Protein backbone atom coordinates (compact mmCIF):
# COMPACT_ATOMS: atom_id res chain seq x y z
CA MET A 1 42.71 -26.36 -52.09
CA ASN A 2 39.93 -28.27 -50.91
CA ARG A 3 39.50 -30.75 -47.49
CA THR A 4 41.18 -33.65 -47.10
CA ASN A 5 39.15 -36.87 -45.30
CA LYS A 6 41.06 -36.45 -42.44
CA GLN A 7 39.88 -32.55 -42.20
CA ASN A 8 36.29 -33.70 -42.64
CA SER A 9 36.40 -36.38 -39.76
CA ALA A 10 38.35 -33.92 -37.81
CA LEU A 11 35.59 -31.23 -38.32
CA HIS A 12 32.93 -33.62 -37.06
CA LEU A 13 34.97 -34.94 -34.25
CA TYR A 14 35.03 -30.93 -33.11
CA PHE A 15 31.62 -30.84 -33.41
CA GLN A 16 31.04 -33.74 -30.90
CA LEU A 17 33.93 -32.44 -28.62
CA LEU A 18 32.08 -28.86 -28.08
CA ALA A 19 29.03 -30.71 -27.83
CA ASP A 20 30.34 -32.33 -24.43
CA GLU A 21 31.70 -29.28 -23.90
CA LEU A 22 28.92 -27.00 -23.70
CA ASN A 23 26.45 -30.13 -22.60
CA GLY A 24 28.89 -30.58 -19.45
CA ALA A 25 29.29 -26.55 -18.56
CA GLY A 26 25.55 -26.73 -18.27
CA TYR A 27 24.94 -24.81 -21.72
CA SER A 28 21.66 -26.08 -23.65
CA VAL A 29 20.72 -25.01 -26.87
CA MET A 30 18.50 -22.63 -25.16
CA LYS A 31 20.70 -21.21 -22.80
CA THR A 32 22.99 -20.65 -25.68
CA LEU A 33 20.82 -19.19 -28.62
CA ARG A 34 17.51 -18.45 -26.68
CA HIS A 35 15.48 -20.94 -28.03
CA ASP A 36 11.81 -21.91 -25.67
CA ILE A 37 13.05 -25.43 -25.30
CA ASP A 38 15.89 -26.46 -23.32
CA ILE A 39 17.44 -29.51 -25.01
CA ASP A 40 21.29 -30.92 -25.29
CA TRP A 41 23.73 -30.26 -27.70
CA SER A 42 24.57 -32.75 -30.25
CA PRO A 43 26.98 -32.62 -33.19
CA ALA A 44 24.27 -32.06 -35.75
CA LEU A 45 22.94 -29.12 -33.67
CA ILE A 46 26.82 -27.75 -33.80
CA LYS A 47 27.28 -27.77 -37.04
CA GLU A 48 23.46 -26.32 -38.03
CA LEU A 49 22.93 -23.59 -35.52
CA ILE A 50 26.83 -22.80 -34.81
CA TRP A 51 29.28 -23.76 -37.28
CA ARG A 52 26.99 -23.25 -40.73
CA LYS A 53 25.50 -20.17 -39.42
CA VAL A 54 29.20 -18.47 -38.90
CA GLN A 55 30.14 -20.09 -42.35
CA GLU A 56 27.67 -18.43 -44.52
CA ALA A 57 28.03 -15.18 -42.61
CA GLN A 58 31.40 -15.20 -43.09
CA LEU A 59 32.19 -16.64 -46.43
CA GLY A 60 28.82 -16.45 -48.02
CA LYS A 61 28.97 -20.43 -48.47
CA LYS A 62 26.03 -22.92 -47.32
CA SER A 63 27.92 -26.18 -47.54
CA THR A 64 30.68 -27.51 -45.41
CA THR A 65 32.00 -29.80 -48.63
CA ASP A 66 32.98 -26.24 -50.35
CA LEU A 67 35.64 -25.33 -47.59
CA THR A 68 39.30 -25.24 -47.99
CA SER A 69 41.36 -26.09 -45.14
CA LYS A 70 42.06 -21.88 -44.50
CA GLU A 71 38.50 -21.71 -44.31
CA ILE A 72 37.72 -24.44 -42.09
CA ASP A 73 40.47 -22.80 -39.68
CA GLU A 74 38.91 -19.07 -40.07
CA ILE A 75 35.44 -20.20 -39.05
CA TYR A 76 37.05 -22.56 -35.71
CA GLU A 77 38.72 -19.12 -35.07
CA THR A 78 35.78 -17.39 -35.06
CA ILE A 79 33.80 -19.91 -33.29
CA ASN A 80 36.49 -20.47 -30.47
CA ARG A 81 36.41 -16.85 -29.64
CA TYR A 82 32.74 -16.70 -29.22
CA VAL A 83 32.41 -19.84 -26.92
CA SER A 84 35.22 -18.84 -24.84
CA GLU A 85 34.36 -14.98 -24.43
CA LYS A 86 30.93 -16.31 -24.02
CA PHE A 87 30.93 -19.35 -22.14
CA GLY A 88 34.64 -19.97 -20.68
CA ILE A 89 34.78 -22.82 -22.77
CA THR A 90 37.89 -23.80 -25.57
CA VAL A 91 37.68 -26.70 -27.51
CA LEU A 92 41.08 -27.56 -29.39
CA PHE A 93 40.11 -28.41 -33.19
CA PRO A 94 41.50 -31.80 -33.38
CA ASN A 95 44.34 -32.98 -35.38
CA GLU A 96 46.28 -36.36 -35.93
CA ASP A 97 48.11 -35.80 -33.27
CA ASP A 98 46.13 -36.02 -30.88
CA LYS A 99 45.28 -39.34 -28.62
CA TYR A 100 41.84 -38.84 -28.40
CA TYR A 101 41.85 -37.60 -32.46
CA LYS A 102 43.75 -41.12 -33.47
CA THR A 103 40.89 -43.26 -31.29
CA ASN A 104 37.83 -41.73 -32.81
CA ILE A 105 38.44 -40.66 -36.38
CA LYS A 106 38.03 -43.72 -38.71
CA ILE A 107 38.95 -43.36 -42.17
């Protein structure tokens, strides 16, 4: 079963939440991924430099549109474990019961 529109919105909200947490904790792209330029995270950078890299390595899929709900959960768990262990940051994956989710998801 492919992901739903709500899951797609939650996925992109997660990119924003993780970018906010990494930036707020002082972890720039350079500090996190060892690049030469110190820049802040954005949802697009989370998607391209973290999510998509894990997705391709773990599942061999290039597009997030090809992911199932279960695969999104698997990738999230991998990324959450990494940023938690490496940086002490944990961002819960958005769900429709969260107040923040309800005010930031537009379907």
